[in-house]
Amino acid sequence: MGRYQEILPIIDRIYQSAVDDNQPHTMAMMLRQKARVYAVLNDADQTETYYEKHIAMRDSITGINLESQLSEMRTKYDVDRHILEKTRNRNYAILAAALLAAALIALTVWILYSRRLTIKNRALVERIREQDKLHEQLQACSAARRRQGSGAGIARATPEATQQETENTLDCHGHSSRNDEPGTGDSSDARMEPGTGTLPASDELFDRIAQLVEQGRAFLDPTLNRNTLASLVGSNETYVRRSIQNNTGQTVNDYLNSLRLRYARELLANRKLTIEVVATEAGFGARNTFHNIFKKEYGLTPDEFRRFSS
């Protein structure tokens, strides 16, 4: 028993050293050893006291360990969350930069396309205007030739009028490409009946057609076709088709649509009129029909023509 009594001071020194060095595991171990010594010495009170201290110290150590682990997990979680947020922010920045670059590219492409489309549409509008001028010249030439042909069979004109007609005819020969095509019947000699100085019947038929369709604006009727036109001018479909083909180079439908398109372009200058109203007033009947024929003929839509012709 005396040896166990000697062990107690040693245990106390070790315990105190552990307290000074803040070594809870050693402190708990010394408390347990001291409880065992008192158990050998049959000191129940001291044994119970030091076992309770040992258990309290062990629980404290367990709590400290759990708190340490929890703190470590919390620190790791915070670090992982920070890394995740940093990665997410970087991805957002990359995505935003990519979207911005794509938007800039799309905007640049759209601007370039719009500029090219604008240049193209303005060129098309200018070409349409040139075609209108040429059409007016061709109409003037045709009228001059008809006056020249019909005047040869009736009263003689004054020298000044004759000279003017000759100048107009020469000018027409310089502008009309149809005069150089054989077999078209457009030259003044070919349009005259041999030995009579009068227009052939086909040209007289076209005069009636032009007077009805162009001057009378019969083309505004969307139901007008070759059969109806032949009945209105007192002829048959074949003669009407040939007469229009010989004088305009167009089919009956193309001839009517060309007049409708020309009138539609005049209506498009009035911005108060909708495209549907223009299509109806010009004799097309439906917007889609008008849109398709206009686009096919001029290379741009009615809306584009209205926008770029102003």
C-alpha atoms as a PDB file:
ATOM      1  CA  MET A   1       0.000   0.000   0.000  1.00  0.00           C
ATOM      2  CA  GLY A   2       2.903   2.307   0.753  1.00  0.00           C
ATOM      3  CA  ARG A   3       4.000   2.214  -2.887  1.00  0.00           C
ATOM      4  CA  TYR A   4       0.564   3.357  -4.064  1.00  0.00           C
ATOM      5  CA  GLN A   5       0.756   6.222  -1.624  1.00  0.00           C
ATOM      6  CA  GLU A   6       4.055   7.238  -3.240  1.00  0.00           C
ATOM      7  CA  ILE A   7       2.494   7.090  -6.730  1.00  0.00           C
ATOM      8  CA  LEU A   8      -0.123   9.736  -5.916  1.00  0.00           C
ATOM      9  CA  PRO A   9       2.320  12.689  -5.747  1.00  0.00           C
ATOM     10  CA  ILE A  10       3.876  11.582  -9.042  1.00  0.00           C
ATOM     11  CA  ILE A  11       0.466  11.498 -10.668  1.00  0.00           C
ATOM     12  CA  ASP A  12      -0.280  14.965  -9.264  1.00  0.00           C
ATOM     13  CA  ARG A  13       2.944  16.366 -10.743  1.00  0.00           C
ATOM     14  CA  ILE A  14       2.230  14.863 -14.133  1.00  0.00           C
ATOM     15  CA  TYR A  15      -1.340  16.183 -13.987  1.00  0.00           C
ATOM     16  CA  GLN A  16      -0.167  19.678 -13.105  1.00  0.00           C
ATOM     17  CA  SER A  17       2.407  19.634 -15.883  1.00  0.00           C
ATOM     18  CA  ALA A  18      -0.370  18.608 -18.301  1.00  0.00           C
ATOM     19  CA  VAL A  19      -2.490  21.462 -17.014  1.00  0.00           C
ATOM     20  CA  ASP A  20       0.348  23.908 -17.592  1.00  0.00           C
ATOM     21  CA  ASP A  21       0.951  22.552 -21.088  1.00  0.00           C
ATOM     22  CA  ASN A  22      -2.779  22.382 -21.837  1.00  0.00           C
ATOM     23  CA  GLN A  23      -2.797  18.653 -22.595  1.00  0.00           C
ATOM     24  CA  PRO A  24      -6.344  17.508 -21.810  1.00  0.00           C
ATOM     25  CA  HIS A  25      -5.729  13.905 -22.863  1.00  0.00           C
ATOM     26  CA  THR A  26      -2.886  13.568 -20.360  1.00  0.00           C
ATOM     27  CA  MET A  27      -4.967  15.250 -17.679  1.00  0.00           C
ATOM     28  CA  ALA A  28      -7.831  12.795 -18.264  1.00  0.00           C
ATOM     29  CA  MET A  29      -5.427   9.848 -18.178  1.00  0.00           C
ATOM     30  CA  MET A  30      -3.905  11.028 -14.866  1.00  0.00           C
ATOM     31  CA  LEU A  31      -7.338  11.446 -13.325  1.00  0.00           C
ATOM     32  CA  ARG A  32      -8.224   7.896 -14.341  1.00  0.00           C
ATOM     33  CA  GLN A  33      -4.914   6.554 -12.897  1.00  0.00           C
ATOM     34  CA  LYS A  34      -5.485   8.415  -9.651  1.00  0.00           C
ATOM     35  CA  ALA A  35      -8.998   6.941  -9.409  1.00  0.00           C
ATOM     36  CA  ARG A  36      -7.524   3.453  -9.868  1.00  0.00           C
ATOM     37  CA  VAL A  37      -4.931   4.074  -7.156  1.00  0.00           C
ATOM     38  CA  TYR A  38      -7.629   5.148  -4.708  1.00  0.00           C
ATOM     39  CA  ALA A  39      -9.617   2.069  -5.686  1.00  0.00           C
ATOM     40  CA  VAL A  40      -6.636  -0.112  -4.723  1.00  0.00           C
ATOM     41  CA  LEU A  41      -6.353   1.841  -1.469  1.00  0.00           C
ATOM     42  CA  ASN A  42     -10.041   1.133  -0.863  1.00  0.00           C
ATOM     43  CA  ASP A  43     -10.849   4.840  -0.678  1.00  0.00           C
ATOM     44  CA  ALA A  44     -14.293   4.787  -2.311  1.00  0.00           C
ATOM     45  CA  ASP A  45     -14.993   8.463  -1.985  1.00  0.00           C
ATOM     46  CA  GLN A  46     -11.759   9.520  -3.701  1.00  0.00           C
ATOM     47  CA  THR A  47     -12.176   6.822  -6.310  1.00  0.00           C
ATOM     48  CA  GLU A  48     -15.682   8.065  -7.154  1.00  0.00           C
ATOM     49  CA  THR A  49     -14.530  11.680  -7.153  1.00  0.00           C
ATOM     50  CA  TYR A  50     -11.649  11.123  -9.563  1.00  0.00           C
ATOM     51  CA  TYR A  51     -13.667   8.854 -11.828  1.00  0.00           C
ATOM     52  CA  GLU A  52     -16.267  11.611 -12.103  1.00  0.00           C
ATOM     53  CA  LYS A  53     -13.493  14.115 -12.909  1.00  0.00           C
ATOM     54  CA  HIS A  54     -12.091  11.683 -15.448  1.00  0.00           C
ATOM     55  CA  ILE A  55     -15.503  11.217 -17.092  1.00  0.00           C
ATOM     56  CA  ALA A  56     -16.081  14.983 -17.123  1.00  0.00           C
ATOM     57  CA  MET A  57     -12.657  15.545 -18.616  1.00  0.00           C
ATOM     58  CA  ARG A  58     -13.241  12.804 -21.223  1.00  0.00           C
ATOM     59  CA  ASP A  59     -16.587  14.310 -22.179  1.00  0.00           C
ATOM     60  CA  SER A  60     -14.935  17.700 -22.386  1.00  0.00           C
ATOM     61  CA  ILE A  61     -12.262  16.286 -24.649  1.00  0.00           C
ATOM     62  CA  THR A  62     -14.931  14.616 -26.790  1.00  0.00           C
ATOM     63  CA  GLY A  63     -16.816  17.909 -27.039  1.00  0.00           C
ATOM     64  CA  ILE A  64     -13.613  19.711 -27.917  1.00  0.00           C
ATOM     65  CA  ASN A  65     -12.872  17.135 -30.595  1.00  0.00           C
ATOM     66  CA  LEU A  66     -16.375  17.401 -31.976  1.00  0.00           C
ATOM     67  CA  GLU A  67     -16.178  21.182 -31.933  1.00  0.00           C
ATOM     68  CA  SER A  68     -12.803  20.992 -33.644  1.00  0.00           C
ATOM     69  CA  GLN A  69     -14.166  18.646 -36.282  1.00  0.00           C
ATOM     70  CA  LEU A  70     -17.231  20.829 -36.710  1.00  0.00           C
ATOM     71  CA  SER A  71     -15.063  23.913 -37.025  1.00  0.00           C
ATOM     72  CA  GLU A  72     -12.871  22.129 -39.536  1.00  0.00           C
ATOM     73  CA  MET A  73     -15.919  21.057 -41.534  1.00  0.00           C
ATOM     74  CA  ARG A  74     -17.303  24.581 -41.356  1.00  0.00           C
ATOM     75  CA  THR A  75     -14.006  25.992 -42.548  1.00  0.00           C
ATOM     76  CA  LYS A  76     -13.876  23.479 -45.382  1.00  0.00           C
ATOM     77  CA  TYR A  77     -17.461  24.286 -46.291  1.00  0.00           C
ATOM     78  CA  ASP A  78     -16.704  28.010 -46.343  1.00  0.00           C
ATOM     79  CA  VAL A  79     -13.629  27.408 -48.484  1.00  0.00           C
ATOM     80  CA  ASP A  80     -15.552  25.149 -50.877  1.00  0.00           C
ATOM     81  CA  ARG A  81     -18.389  27.670 -51.057  1.00  0.00           C
ATOM     82  CA  HIS A  82     -15.949  30.476 -51.746  1.00  0.00           C
ATOM     83  CA  ILE A  83     -14.294  28.413 -54.490  1.00  0.00           C
ATOM     84  CA  LEU A  84     -17.707  27.507 -55.909  1.00  0.00           C
ATOM     85  CA  GLU A  85     -18.843  31.134 -55.876  1.00  0.00           C
ATOM     86  CA  LYS A  86     -15.588  32.211 -57.457  1.00  0.00           C
ATOM     87  CA  THR A  87     -15.936  29.539 -60.148  1.00  0.00           C
ATOM     88  CA  ARG A  88     -19.578  30.427 -60.698  1.00  0.00           C
ATOM     89  CA  ASN A  89     -18.790  34.118 -60.958  1.00  0.00           C
ATOM     90  CA  ARG A  90     -16.016  33.344 -63.412  1.00  0.00           C
ATOM     91  CA  ASN A  91     -18.387  31.207 -65.484  1.00  0.00           C
ATOM     92  CA  TYR A  92     -20.970  33.983 -65.378  1.00  0.00           C
ATOM     93  CA  ALA A  93     -18.328  36.455 -66.516  1.00  0.00           C
ATOM     94  CA  ILE A  94     -17.280  34.150 -69.358  1.00  0.00           C
ATOM     95  CA  LEU A  95     -20.907  33.599 -70.340  1.00  0.00           C
ATOM     96  CA  ALA A  96     -21.637  37.320 -70.204  1.00  0.00           C
ATOM     97  CA  ALA A  97     -18.548  38.054 -72.308  1.00  0.00           C
ATOM     98  CA  ALA A  98     -19.561  35.364 -74.816  1.00  0.00           C
ATOM     99  CA  LEU A  99     -23.104  36.708 -75.022  1.00  0.00           C
ATOM    100  CA  LEU A 100     -21.819  40.249 -75.411  1.00  0.00           C
ATOM    101  CA  ALA A 101     -19.437  39.155 -78.151  1.00  0.00           C
ATOM    102  CA  ALA A 102     -22.242  37.237 -79.884  1.00  0.00           C
ATOM    103  CA  ALA A 103     -24.520  40.267 -79.584  1.00  0.00           C
ATOM    104  CA  LEU A 104     -21.836  42.546 -81.018  1.00  0.00           C
ATOM    105  CA  ILE A 105     -21.210  40.121 -83.878  1.00  0.00           C
ATOM    106  CA  ALA A 106     -24.950  39.821 -84.550  1.00  0.00           C
ATOM    107  CA  LEU A 107     -25.310  43.601 -84.412  1.00  0.00           C
ATOM    108  CA  THR A 108     -22.382  44.068 -86.784  1.00  0.00           C
ATOM    109  CA  VAL A 109     -23.770  41.481 -89.199  1.00  0.00           C
ATOM    110  CA  TRP A 110     -27.205  43.080 -89.006  1.00  0.00           C
ATOM    111  CA  ILE A 111     -25.771  46.558 -89.646  1.00  0.00           C
ATOM    112  CA  LEU A 112     -23.736  45.315 -92.617  1.00  0.00           C
ATOM    113  CA  TYR A 113     -26.736  43.400 -93.957  1.00  0.00           C
ATOM    114  CA  SER A 114     -28.994  46.408 -93.500  1.00  0.00           C
ATOM    115  CA  ARG A 115     -26.533  48.647 -95.304  1.00  0.00           C
ATOM    116  CA  ARG A 116     -26.174  46.224 -98.180  1.00  0.00           C
ATOM    117  CA  LEU A 117     -29.923  45.752 -98.312  1.00  0.00           C
ATOM    118  CA  THR A 118     -30.416  49.513 -98.304  1.00  0.00           C
ATOM    119  CA  ILE A 119     -27.890  49.993-101.121  1.00  0.00           C
ATOM    120  CA  LYS A 120     -29.466  47.158-103.107  1.00  0.00           C
ATOM    121  CA  ASN A 121     -33.007  48.414-102.605  1.00  0.00           C
ATOM    122  CA  ARG A 122     -32.085  51.987-103.508  1.00  0.00           C
ATOM    123  CA  ALA A 123     -30.396  50.689-106.659  1.00  0.00           C
ATOM    124  CA  LEU A 124     -33.520  48.681-107.489  1.00  0.00           C
ATOM    125  CA  VAL A 125     -35.733  51.725-106.969  1.00  0.00           C
ATOM    126  CA  GLU A 126     -33.454  53.776-109.198  1.00  0.00           C
ATOM    127  CA  ARG A 127     -33.593  51.067-111.848  1.00  0.00           C
ATOM    128  CA  ILE A 128     -37.390  51.067-111.652  1.00  0.00           C
ATOM    129  CA  ARG A 129     -37.384  54.814-112.253  1.00  0.00           C
ATOM    130  CA  GLU A 130     -35.092  54.377-115.236  1.00  0.00           C
ATOM    131  CA  GLN A 131     -37.412  51.701-116.584  1.00  0.00           C
ATOM    132  CA  ASP A 132     -40.328  54.115-116.178  1.00  0.00           C
ATOM    133  CA  LYS A 133     -38.472  56.725-118.202  1.00  0.00           C
ATOM    134  CA  LEU A 134     -37.700  54.171-120.886  1.00  0.00           C
ATOM    135  CA  HIS A 135     -41.317  53.059-120.899  1.00  0.00           C
ATOM    136  CA  GLU A 136     -42.463  56.640-121.385  1.00  0.00           C
ATOM    137  CA  GLN A 137     -40.006  57.054-124.252  1.00  0.00           C
ATOM    138  CA  LEU A 138     -41.231  53.833-125.849  1.00  0.00           C
ATOM    139  CA  GLN A 139     -44.829  54.967-125.530  1.00  0.00           C
ATOM    140  CA  ALA A 140     -43.948  58.302-127.102  1.00  0.00           C
ATOM    141  CA  CYS A 141     -42.163  56.501-129.929  1.00  0.00           C
ATOM    142  CA  SER A 142     -45.114  54.193-130.479  1.00  0.00           C
ATOM    143  CA  ALA A 143     -47.506  57.131-130.540  1.00  0.00           C
ATOM    144  CA  ALA A 144     -45.263  59.037-132.959  1.00  0.00           C
ATOM    145  CA  ARG A 145     -45.076  56.085-135.322  1.00  0.00           C
ATOM    146  CA  ARG A 146     -48.795  55.602-135.258  1.00  0.00           C
ATOM    147  CA  ARG A 147     -49.384  59.234-135.983  1.00  0.00           C
ATOM    148  CA  GLN A 148     -46.851  59.060-138.804  1.00  0.00           C
ATOM    149  CA  GLY A 149     -48.465  55.941-140.265  1.00  0.00           C
ATOM    150  CA  SER A 150     -52.034  57.146-140.000  1.00  0.00           C
ATOM    151  CA  GLY A 151     -51.160  60.622-141.277  1.00  0.00           C
ATOM    152  CA  ALA A 152     -49.729  59.247-144.492  1.00  0.00           C
ATOM    153  CA  GLY A 153     -53.168  58.078-145.630  1.00  0.00           C
ATOM    154  CA  ILE A 154     -55.045  61.284-144.868  1.00  0.00           C
ATOM    155  CA  ALA A 155     -54.264  64.992-144.843  1.00  0.00           C
ATOM    156  CA  ARG A 156     -50.689  66.230-145.223  1.00  0.00           C
ATOM    157  CA  ALA A 157     -49.161  67.852-142.164  1.00  0.00           C
ATOM    158  CA  THR A 158     -47.320  71.159-142.140  1.00  0.00           C
ATOM    159  CA  PRO A 159     -43.585  71.128-142.943  1.00  0.00           C
ATOM    160  CA  GLU A 160     -42.786  71.960-139.315  1.00  0.00           C
ATOM    161  CA  ALA A 161     -44.938  69.080-137.992  1.00  0.00           C
ATOM    162  CA  THR A 162     -43.491  66.704-140.580  1.00  0.00           C
ATOM    163  CA  GLN A 163     -39.973  67.653-139.543  1.00  0.00           C
ATOM    164  CA  GLN A 164     -40.851  67.158-135.849  1.00  0.00           C
ATOM    165  CA  GLU A 165     -42.363  63.744-136.564  1.00  0.00           C
ATOM    166  CA  THR A 166     -39.203  62.777-138.466  1.00  0.00           C
ATOM    167  CA  GLU A 167     -37.006  63.866-135.557  1.00  0.00           C
ATOM    168  CA  ASN A 168     -39.156  61.892-133.112  1.00  0.00           C
ATOM    169  CA  THR A 169     -38.965  58.819-135.300  1.00  0.00           C
ATOM    170  CA  LEU A 170     -35.185  59.067-135.589  1.00  0.00           C
ATOM    171  CA  ASP A 171     -34.964  59.483-131.820  1.00  0.00           C
ATOM    172  CA  CYS A 172     -37.110  56.400-131.320  1.00  0.00           C
ATOM    173  CA  HIS A 173     -34.788  54.386-133.550  1.00  0.00           C
ATOM    174  CA  GLY A 174     -31.972  55.370-131.230  1.00  0.00           C
ATOM    175  CA  HIS A 175     -33.749  54.285-128.001  1.00  0.00           C
ATOM    176  CA  SER A 176     -35.980  51.319-128.823  1.00  0.00           C
ATOM    177  CA  SER A 177     -34.299  47.947-128.991  1.00  0.00           C
ATOM    178  CA  ARG A 178     -37.351  46.390-130.620  1.00  0.00           C
ATOM    179  CA  ASN A 179     -36.586  48.197-133.885  1.00  0.00           C
ATOM    180  CA  ASP A 180     -33.483  46.022-134.329  1.00  0.00           C
ATOM    181  CA  GLU A 181     -35.286  42.721-133.867  1.00  0.00           C
ATOM    182  CA  PRO A 182     -36.494  41.141-137.079  1.00  0.00           C
ATOM    183  CA  GLY A 183     -40.060  40.011-137.295  1.00  0.00           C
ATOM    184  CA  THR A 184     -41.349  42.046-134.375  1.00  0.00           C
ATOM    185  CA  GLY A 185     -43.454  44.386-136.525  1.00  0.00           C
ATOM    186  CA  ASP A 186     -42.275  47.442-134.582  1.00  0.00           C
ATOM    187  CA  SER A 187     -40.498  49.441-137.326  1.00  0.00           C
ATOM    188  CA  SER A 188     -42.560  52.050-139.083  1.00  0.00           C
ATOM    189  CA  ASP A 189     -42.201  50.274-142.436  1.00  0.00           C
ATOM    190  CA  ALA A 190     -43.303  46.935-141.073  1.00  0.00           C
ATOM    191  CA  ARG A 191     -46.297  48.457-139.308  1.00  0.00           C
ATOM    192  CA  MET A 192     -47.664  49.934-142.585  1.00  0.00           C
ATOM    193  CA  GLU A 193     -49.896  47.977-144.904  1.00  0.00           C
ATOM    194  CA  PRO A 194     -48.135  47.805-148.321  1.00  0.00           C
ATOM    195  CA  GLY A 195     -49.421  50.463-150.733  1.00  0.00           C
ATOM    196  CA  THR A 196     -52.016  51.855-148.308  1.00  0.00           C
ATOM    197  CA  GLY A 197     -50.095  53.936-145.763  1.00  0.00           C
ATOM    198  CA  THR A 198     -52.460  52.727-143.006  1.00  0.00           C
ATOM    199  CA  LEU A 199     -51.828  50.732-139.839  1.00  0.00           C
ATOM    200  CA  PRO A 200     -52.407  46.967-140.064  1.00  0.00           C
ATOM    201  CA  ALA A 201     -55.451  45.546-138.334  1.00  0.00           C
ATOM    202  CA  SER A 202     -53.352  44.123-135.490  1.00  0.00           C
ATOM    203  CA  ASP A 203     -52.150  47.600-134.509  1.00  0.00           C
ATOM    204  CA  GLU A 204     -55.662  48.977-134.715  1.00  0.00           C
ATOM    205  CA  LEU A 205     -56.703  46.178-132.387  1.00  0.00           C
ATOM    206  CA  PHE A 206     -53.941  47.083-129.962  1.00  0.00           C
ATOM    207  CA  ASP A 207     -55.072  50.723-130.111  1.00  0.00           C
ATOM    208  CA  ARG A 208     -58.495  49.576-128.945  1.00  0.00           C
ATOM    209  CA  ILE A 209     -56.941  47.371-126.290  1.00  0.00           C
ATOM    210  CA  ALA A 210     -54.694  50.175-125.024  1.00  0.00           C
ATOM    211  CA  GLN A 211     -57.554  52.655-125.011  1.00  0.00           C
ATOM    212  CA  LEU A 212     -59.714  50.271-122.988  1.00  0.00           C
ATOM    213  CA  VAL A 213     -57.101  48.863-120.654  1.00  0.00           C
ATOM    214  CA  GLU A 214     -54.677  51.747-120.157  1.00  0.00           C
ATOM    215  CA  GLN A 215     -56.750  54.875-120.710  1.00  0.00           C
ATOM    216  CA  GLY A 216     -59.990  53.362-119.418  1.00  0.00           C
ATOM    217  CA  ARG A 217     -58.077  51.579-116.632  1.00  0.00           C
ATOM    218  CA  ALA A 218     -59.878  48.314-117.183  1.00  0.00           C
ATOM    219  CA  PHE A 219     -56.825  46.611-115.655  1.00  0.00           C
ATOM    220  CA  LEU A 220     -58.144  47.648-112.231  1.00  0.00           C
ATOM    221  CA  ASP A 221     -60.712  44.861-112.540  1.00  0.00           C
ATOM    222  CA  PRO A 222     -59.051  41.787-110.938  1.00  0.00           C
ATOM    223  CA  THR A 223     -61.310  39.461-112.969  1.00  0.00           C
ATOM    224  CA  LEU A 224     -60.135  40.848-116.319  1.00  0.00           C
ATOM    225  CA  ASN A 225     -58.521  38.142-118.442  1.00  0.00           C
ATOM    226  CA  ARG A 226     -57.852  37.327-122.087  1.00  0.00           C
ATOM    227  CA  ASN A 227     -61.353  36.053-122.737  1.00  0.00           C
ATOM    228  CA  THR A 228     -63.058  39.055-121.141  1.00  0.00           C
ATOM    229  CA  LEU A 229     -60.688  41.460-122.867  1.00  0.00           C
ATOM    230  CA  ALA A 230     -61.375  39.892-126.271  1.00  0.00           C
ATOM    231  CA  SER A 231     -65.116  40.315-125.733  1.00  0.00           C
ATOM    232  CA  LEU A 232     -64.710  43.950-124.676  1.00  0.00           C
ATOM    233  CA  VAL A 233     -62.705  44.921-127.778  1.00  0.00           C
ATOM    234  CA  GLY A 234     -64.858  42.851-130.155  1.00  0.00           C
ATOM    235  CA  SER A 235     -62.199  40.337-131.160  1.00  0.00           C
ATOM    236  CA  ASN A 236     -61.119  36.821-130.239  1.00  0.00           C
ATOM    237  CA  GLU A 237     -58.579  35.535-127.761  1.00  0.00           C
ATOM    238  CA  THR A 238     -55.964  34.587-130.345  1.00  0.00           C
ATOM    239  CA  TYR A 239     -55.894  38.028-131.999  1.00  0.00           C
ATOM    240  CA  VAL A 240     -55.798  39.743-128.617  1.00  0.00           C
ATOM    241  CA  ARG A 241     -52.897  37.569-127.471  1.00  0.00           C
ATOM    242  CA  ARG A 242     -50.944  38.141-130.700  1.00  0.00           C
ATOM    243  CA  SER A 243     -51.613  41.853-130.727  1.00  0.00           C
ATOM    244  CA  ILE A 244     -50.368  42.312-127.160  1.00  0.00           C
ATOM    245  CA  GLN A 245     -47.398  40.015-127.786  1.00  0.00           C
ATOM    246  CA  ASN A 246     -46.385  41.865-130.960  1.00  0.00           C
ATOM    247  CA  ASN A 247     -46.705  45.332-129.440  1.00  0.00           C
ATOM    248  CA  THR A 248     -45.412  44.746-125.913  1.00  0.00           C
ATOM    249  CA  GLY A 249     -43.528  41.451-125.988  1.00  0.00           C
ATOM    250  CA  GLN A 250     -45.680  40.291-123.078  1.00  0.00           C
ATOM    251  CA  THR A 251     -48.418  37.810-122.436  1.00  0.00           C
ATOM    252  CA  VAL A 252     -51.888  39.119-121.648  1.00  0.00           C
ATOM    253  CA  ASN A 253     -51.489  38.487-117.920  1.00  0.00           C
ATOM    254  CA  ASP A 254     -48.017  40.047-117.828  1.00  0.00           C
ATOM    255  CA  TYR A 255     -49.321  43.068-119.734  1.00  0.00           C
ATOM    256  CA  LEU A 256     -52.211  43.567-117.302  1.00  0.00           C
ATOM    257  CA  ASN A 257     -50.006  43.002-114.264  1.00  0.00           C
ATOM    258  CA  SER A 258     -47.402  45.459-115.526  1.00  0.00           C
ATOM    259  CA  LEU A 259     -50.091  48.157-115.686  1.00  0.00           C
ATOM    260  CA  ARG A 260     -51.347  47.190-112.242  1.00  0.00           C
ATOM    261  CA  LEU A 261     -47.827  47.328-110.845  1.00  0.00           C
ATOM    262  CA  ARG A 262     -47.207  50.759-112.329  1.00  0.00           C
ATOM    263  CA  TYR A 263     -50.450  52.060-110.844  1.00  0.00           C
ATOM    264  CA  ALA A 264     -49.678  50.358-107.512  1.00  0.00           C
ATOM    265  CA  ARG A 265     -46.354  52.190-107.327  1.00  0.00           C
ATOM    266  CA  GLU A 266     -48.246  55.453-107.711  1.00  0.00           C
ATOM    267  CA  LEU A 267     -50.554  54.453-104.862  1.00  0.00           C
ATOM    268  CA  LEU A 268     -47.622  53.449-102.654  1.00  0.00           C
ATOM    269  CA  ALA A 269     -46.505  57.076-102.650  1.00  0.00           C
ATOM    270  CA  ASN A 270     -49.535  57.764-100.464  1.00  0.00           C
ATOM    271  CA  ARG A 271     -48.396  56.450 -97.074  1.00  0.00           C
ATOM    272  CA  LYS A 272     -51.904  56.685 -95.688  1.00  0.00           C
ATOM    273  CA  LEU A 273     -52.931  53.720 -97.831  1.00  0.00           C
ATOM    274  CA  THR A 274     -52.190  50.278 -96.438  1.00  0.00           C
ATOM    275  CA  ILE A 275     -50.653  47.556 -98.601  1.00  0.00           C
ATOM    276  CA  GLU A 276     -53.992  45.715 -98.581  1.00  0.00           C
ATOM    277  CA  VAL A 277     -55.771  48.791 -99.911  1.00  0.00           C
ATOM    278  CA  VAL A 278     -53.101  49.325-102.583  1.00  0.00           C
ATOM    279  CA  ALA A 279     -53.388  45.694-103.676  1.00  0.00           C
ATOM    280  CA  THR A 280     -57.163  45.961-103.972  1.00  0.00           C
ATOM    281  CA  GLU A 281     -57.188  49.365-105.660  1.00  0.00           C
ATOM    282  CA  ALA A 282     -54.536  48.285-108.194  1.00  0.00           C
ATOM    283  CA  GLY A 283     -56.583  45.278-109.307  1.00  0.00           C
ATOM    284  CA  PHE A 284     -54.666  42.411-107.665  1.00  0.00           C
ATOM    285  CA  GLY A 285     -57.472  41.462-105.329  1.00  0.00           C
ATOM    286  CA  ALA A 286     -55.274  39.941-102.591  1.00  0.00           C
ATOM    287  CA  ARG A 287     -52.245  41.185-100.681  1.00  0.00           C
ATOM    288  CA  ASN A 288     -50.287  37.937-101.134  1.00  0.00           C
ATOM    289  CA  THR A 289     -50.766  37.978-104.894  1.00  0.00           C
ATOM    290  CA  PHE A 290     -49.686  41.609-105.054  1.00  0.00           C
ATOM    291  CA  HIS A 291     -46.677  40.946-102.787  1.00  0.00           C
ATOM    292  CA  ASN A 292     -45.447  37.961-104.814  1.00  0.00           C
ATOM    293  CA  ILE A 293     -45.850  39.617-108.232  1.00  0.00           C
ATOM    294  CA  PHE A 294     -44.237  42.858-107.012  1.00  0.00           C
ATOM    295  CA  LYS A 295     -41.297  40.996-105.459  1.00  0.00           C
ATOM    296  CA  LYS A 296     -40.787  38.871-108.567  1.00  0.00           C
ATOM    297  CA  GLU A 297     -40.923  41.862-110.910  1.00  0.00           C
ATOM    298  CA  TYR A 298     -38.832  44.400-108.993  1.00  0.00           C
ATOM    299  CA  GLY A 299     -36.729  42.367-106.557  1.00  0.00           C
ATOM    300  CA  LEU A 300     -38.119  44.075-103.447  1.00  0.00           C
ATOM    301  CA  THR A 301     -41.384  44.057-101.553  1.00  0.00           C
ATOM    302  CA  PRO A 302     -44.017  46.814-101.702  1.00  0.00           C
ATOM    303  CA  ASP A 303     -43.093  47.870 -98.160  1.00  0.00           C
ATOM    304  CA  GLU A 304     -39.412  48.137 -99.104  1.00  0.00           C
ATOM    305  CA  PHE A 305     -40.255  50.091-102.256  1.00  0.00           C
ATOM    306  CA  ARG A 306     -42.361  52.538-100.257  1.00  0.00           C
ATOM    307  CA  ARG A 307     -39.576  52.975 -97.696  1.00  0.00           C
ATOM    308  CA  PHE A 308     -36.742  53.502-100.156  1.00  0.00           C
ATOM    309  CA  SER A 309     -38.571  55.458-102.833  1.00  0.00           C
ATOM    310  CA  SER A 310     -39.255  58.408-100.561  1.00  0.00           C
END
